[in-house]
């Protein structure tokens, strides 16, 4: 996995991203973790559907298109749920309420950059 920084509307954020490099990393996602720090997130690409079966904590799920534009935001997704966006290229999984804290809205541009 790559470790990079989340860029929100062109501005570097404090959020450290784990970017999945392999299929098995995408399939595992956040399963098996007890929590996710407020300043951490998981970037799943390619991915247009996620589930929270077996998850131990709620998450925010943000679907992003191939141009980096936020298509939809699913806040505080609890256990045993499924979220899909057929137009998405990326799913961003963050701790619950992180999208609100970062003021991420539909239409915003999100990307990642390797820290300098």
C-alpha atoms as a PDB file:
ATOM      1  CA  UNK A   1       0.000   0.000   0.000  1.00  0.00           C
ATOM      2  CA  UNK A   2       1.105   3.544  -0.713  1.00  0.00           C
ATOM      3  CA  UNK A   3       0.976   6.117   2.076  1.00  0.00           C
ATOM      4  CA  UNK A   4       0.039   9.566   0.778  1.00  0.00           C
ATOM      5  CA  UNK A   5      -1.785  12.768   1.760  1.00  0.00           C
ATOM      6  CA  UNK A   6      -5.425  13.635   0.866  1.00  0.00           C
ATOM      7  CA  UNK A   7      -5.882  16.827  -1.174  1.00  0.00           C
ATOM      8  CA  UNK A   8      -9.318  18.494  -0.815  1.00  0.00           C
ATOM      9  CA  UNK A   9     -10.227  21.174  -3.377  1.00  0.00           C
ATOM     10  CA  UNK A  10      -6.524  21.618  -4.170  1.00  0.00           C
ATOM     11  CA  UNK A  11      -5.489  22.090  -0.521  1.00  0.00           C
ATOM     12  CA  UNK A  12      -3.459  19.438   1.342  1.00  0.00           C
ATOM     13  CA  UNK A  13      -5.369  18.090   4.351  1.00  0.00           C
ATOM     14  CA  UNK A  14      -4.117  16.462   7.533  1.00  0.00           C
ATOM     15  CA  UNK A  15      -5.562  13.102   6.416  1.00  0.00           C
ATOM     16  CA  UNK A  16      -3.025  10.347   5.749  1.00  0.00           C
ATOM     17  CA  UNK A  17      -4.301   7.981   3.064  1.00  0.00           C
ATOM     18  CA  UNK A  18      -3.536   4.364   2.465  1.00  0.00           C
ATOM     19  CA  UNK A  19      -3.920   3.760  -1.272  1.00  0.00           C
ATOM     20  CA  UNK A  20      -4.594   0.162  -2.214  1.00  0.00           C
ATOM     21  CA  UNK A  21      -2.172  -1.245  -4.778  1.00  0.00           C
ATOM     22  CA  UNK A  22      -3.504  -4.770  -5.050  1.00  0.00           C
ATOM     23  CA  UNK A  23      -6.816  -6.528  -5.466  1.00  0.00           C
ATOM     24  CA  UNK A  24      -6.555  -8.380  -2.153  1.00  0.00           C
ATOM     25  CA  UNK A  25      -5.947  -5.051  -0.348  1.00  0.00           C
ATOM     26  CA  UNK A  26      -9.169  -3.653  -1.845  1.00  0.00           C
ATOM     27  CA  UNK A  27     -11.069  -6.791  -0.919  1.00  0.00           C
ATOM     28  CA  UNK A  28      -9.909  -6.636   2.694  1.00  0.00           C
ATOM     29  CA  UNK A  29     -10.428  -2.893   3.061  1.00  0.00           C
ATOM     30  CA  UNK A  30     -10.836  -1.957   6.715  1.00  0.00           C
ATOM     31  CA  UNK A  31     -11.968  -5.413   7.849  1.00  0.00           C
ATOM     32  CA  UNK A  32     -10.158  -6.663  10.909  1.00  0.00           C
ATOM     33  CA  UNK A  33      -9.374  -3.219  12.266  1.00  0.00           C
ATOM     34  CA  UNK A  34     -10.773  -2.069  15.598  1.00  0.00           C
ATOM     35  CA  UNK A  35     -10.916   1.607  14.623  1.00  0.00           C
ATOM     36  CA  UNK A  36      -9.743   4.200  12.131  1.00  0.00           C
ATOM     37  CA  UNK A  37      -8.024   7.378  13.286  1.00  0.00           C
ATOM     38  CA  UNK A  38      -9.727  10.683  12.485  1.00  0.00           C
ATOM     39  CA  UNK A  39      -6.670  11.624  10.415  1.00  0.00           C
ATOM     40  CA  UNK A  40      -6.553   8.387   8.400  1.00  0.00           C
ATOM     41  CA  UNK A  41      -8.501   7.029   5.439  1.00  0.00           C
ATOM     42  CA  UNK A  42      -8.437   4.261   2.844  1.00  0.00           C
ATOM     43  CA  UNK A  43      -8.489   5.020  -0.922  1.00  0.00           C
ATOM     44  CA  UNK A  44      -9.893   2.059  -2.887  1.00  0.00           C
ATOM     45  CA  UNK A  45      -9.346   2.195  -6.660  1.00  0.00           C
ATOM     46  CA  UNK A  46     -10.944   0.817  -8.747  1.00  0.00           C
ATOM     47  CA  UNK A  47     -14.006   0.485  -6.547  1.00  0.00           C
ATOM     48  CA  UNK A  48     -17.680   1.404  -6.930  1.00  0.00           C
ATOM     49  CA  UNK A  49     -19.207  -0.645  -4.094  1.00  0.00           C
ATOM     50  CA  UNK A  50     -18.342  -1.259  -0.449  1.00  0.00           C
ATOM     51  CA  UNK A  51     -19.865  -3.230   2.405  1.00  0.00           C
ATOM     52  CA  UNK A  52     -19.554  -3.022   6.169  1.00  0.00           C
ATOM     53  CA  UNK A  53     -20.301  -6.655   6.973  1.00  0.00           C
ATOM     54  CA  UNK A  54     -17.878  -7.633   9.721  1.00  0.00           C
ATOM     55  CA  UNK A  55     -16.877  -4.031  10.438  1.00  0.00           C
ATOM     56  CA  UNK A  56     -16.426  -3.009  14.063  1.00  0.00           C
ATOM     57  CA  UNK A  57     -17.073   0.729  13.656  1.00  0.00           C
ATOM     58  CA  UNK A  58     -19.106   3.106  11.462  1.00  0.00           C
ATOM     59  CA  UNK A  59     -17.465   4.878   8.515  1.00  0.00           C
ATOM     60  CA  UNK A  60     -18.065   7.633   5.992  1.00  0.00           C
ATOM     61  CA  UNK A  61     -17.952   6.408   2.384  1.00  0.00           C
ATOM     62  CA  UNK A  62     -17.236   8.877  -0.405  1.00  0.00           C
ATOM     63  CA  UNK A  63     -17.586   7.815  -4.034  1.00  0.00           C
ATOM     64  CA  UNK A  64     -15.399   9.658  -6.549  1.00  0.00           C
ATOM     65  CA  UNK A  65     -15.441   9.601 -10.362  1.00  0.00           C
ATOM     66  CA  UNK A  66     -12.436   9.137 -12.662  1.00  0.00           C
ATOM     67  CA  UNK A  67     -11.839  12.897 -12.709  1.00  0.00           C
ATOM     68  CA  UNK A  68     -11.612  13.149  -8.902  1.00  0.00           C
ATOM     69  CA  UNK A  69     -15.075  14.685  -8.473  1.00  0.00           C
ATOM     70  CA  UNK A  70     -17.134  13.616  -5.437  1.00  0.00           C
ATOM     71  CA  UNK A  71     -20.279  11.851  -6.659  1.00  0.00           C
ATOM     72  CA  UNK A  72     -21.864  10.927  -3.334  1.00  0.00           C
ATOM     73  CA  UNK A  73     -21.189  10.923   0.392  1.00  0.00           C
ATOM     74  CA  UNK A  74     -22.609   8.305   2.726  1.00  0.00           C
ATOM     75  CA  UNK A  75     -22.184   9.452   6.306  1.00  0.00           C
ATOM     76  CA  UNK A  76     -21.926   7.273   9.400  1.00  0.00           C
ATOM     77  CA  UNK A  77     -22.510   3.960   7.596  1.00  0.00           C
ATOM     78  CA  UNK A  78     -23.086   1.337  10.266  1.00  0.00           C
ATOM     79  CA  UNK A  79     -22.396  -2.371  10.362  1.00  0.00           C
ATOM     80  CA  UNK A  80     -23.869  -4.812   7.843  1.00  0.00           C
ATOM     81  CA  UNK A  81     -24.612  -2.199   5.174  1.00  0.00           C
ATOM     82  CA  UNK A  82     -23.796  -1.930   1.481  1.00  0.00           C
ATOM     83  CA  UNK A  83     -23.240   1.215  -0.577  1.00  0.00           C
ATOM     84  CA  UNK A  84     -22.896   1.394  -4.384  1.00  0.00           C
ATOM     85  CA  UNK A  85     -22.337   4.113  -6.959  1.00  0.00           C
ATOM     86  CA  UNK A  86     -22.117   2.673 -10.475  1.00  0.00           C
ATOM     87  CA  UNK A  87     -20.432   5.817 -11.856  1.00  0.00           C
ATOM     88  CA  UNK A  88     -17.640   5.772  -9.263  1.00  0.00           C
ATOM     89  CA  UNK A  89     -14.018   4.894  -9.925  1.00  0.00           C
ATOM     90  CA  UNK A  90     -12.902   5.353  -6.305  1.00  0.00           C
ATOM     91  CA  UNK A  91     -14.332   4.673  -2.857  1.00  0.00           C
ATOM     92  CA  UNK A  92     -12.808   6.630   0.011  1.00  0.00           C
ATOM     93  CA  UNK A  93     -13.430   5.155   3.469  1.00  0.00           C
ATOM     94  CA  UNK A  94     -12.974   7.474   6.441  1.00  0.00           C
ATOM     95  CA  UNK A  95     -13.951   7.380  10.102  1.00  0.00           C
ATOM     96  CA  UNK A  96     -17.538   8.436  10.773  1.00  0.00           C
ATOM     97  CA  UNK A  97     -18.109  12.211  10.565  1.00  0.00           C
ATOM     98  CA  UNK A  98     -14.720  12.883   8.895  1.00  0.00           C
ATOM     99  CA  UNK A  99     -16.350  14.090   5.666  1.00  0.00           C
ATOM    100  CA  UNK A 100     -18.328  16.660   7.625  1.00  0.00           C
ATOM    101  CA  UNK A 101     -15.275  17.742   9.622  1.00  0.00           C
ATOM    102  CA  UNK A 102     -13.331  18.297   6.374  1.00  0.00           C
ATOM    103  CA  UNK A 103     -16.347  20.049   4.781  1.00  0.00           C
ATOM    104  CA  UNK A 104     -16.315  17.622   1.850  1.00  0.00           C
ATOM    105  CA  UNK A 105     -19.361  18.088  -0.359  1.00  0.00           C
ATOM    106  CA  UNK A 106     -20.744  16.594  -3.540  1.00  0.00           C
ATOM    107  CA  UNK A 107     -18.890  18.106  -6.508  1.00  0.00           C
ATOM    108  CA  UNK A 108     -15.642  18.739  -4.602  1.00  0.00           C
ATOM    109  CA  UNK A 109     -12.406  17.544  -6.149  1.00  0.00           C
ATOM    110  CA  UNK A 110     -10.366  15.013  -4.160  1.00  0.00           C
ATOM    111  CA  UNK A 111      -6.969  13.591  -5.031  1.00  0.00           C
ATOM    112  CA  UNK A 112      -3.855  12.364  -3.293  1.00  0.00           C
ATOM    113  CA  UNK A 113      -0.237  13.396  -3.318  1.00  0.00           C
ATOM    114  CA  UNK A 114       2.914  11.820  -1.976  1.00  0.00           C
ATOM    115  CA  UNK A 115       4.210  13.871   0.982  1.00  0.00           C
ATOM    116  CA  UNK A 116       7.224  16.043   0.154  1.00  0.00           C
END
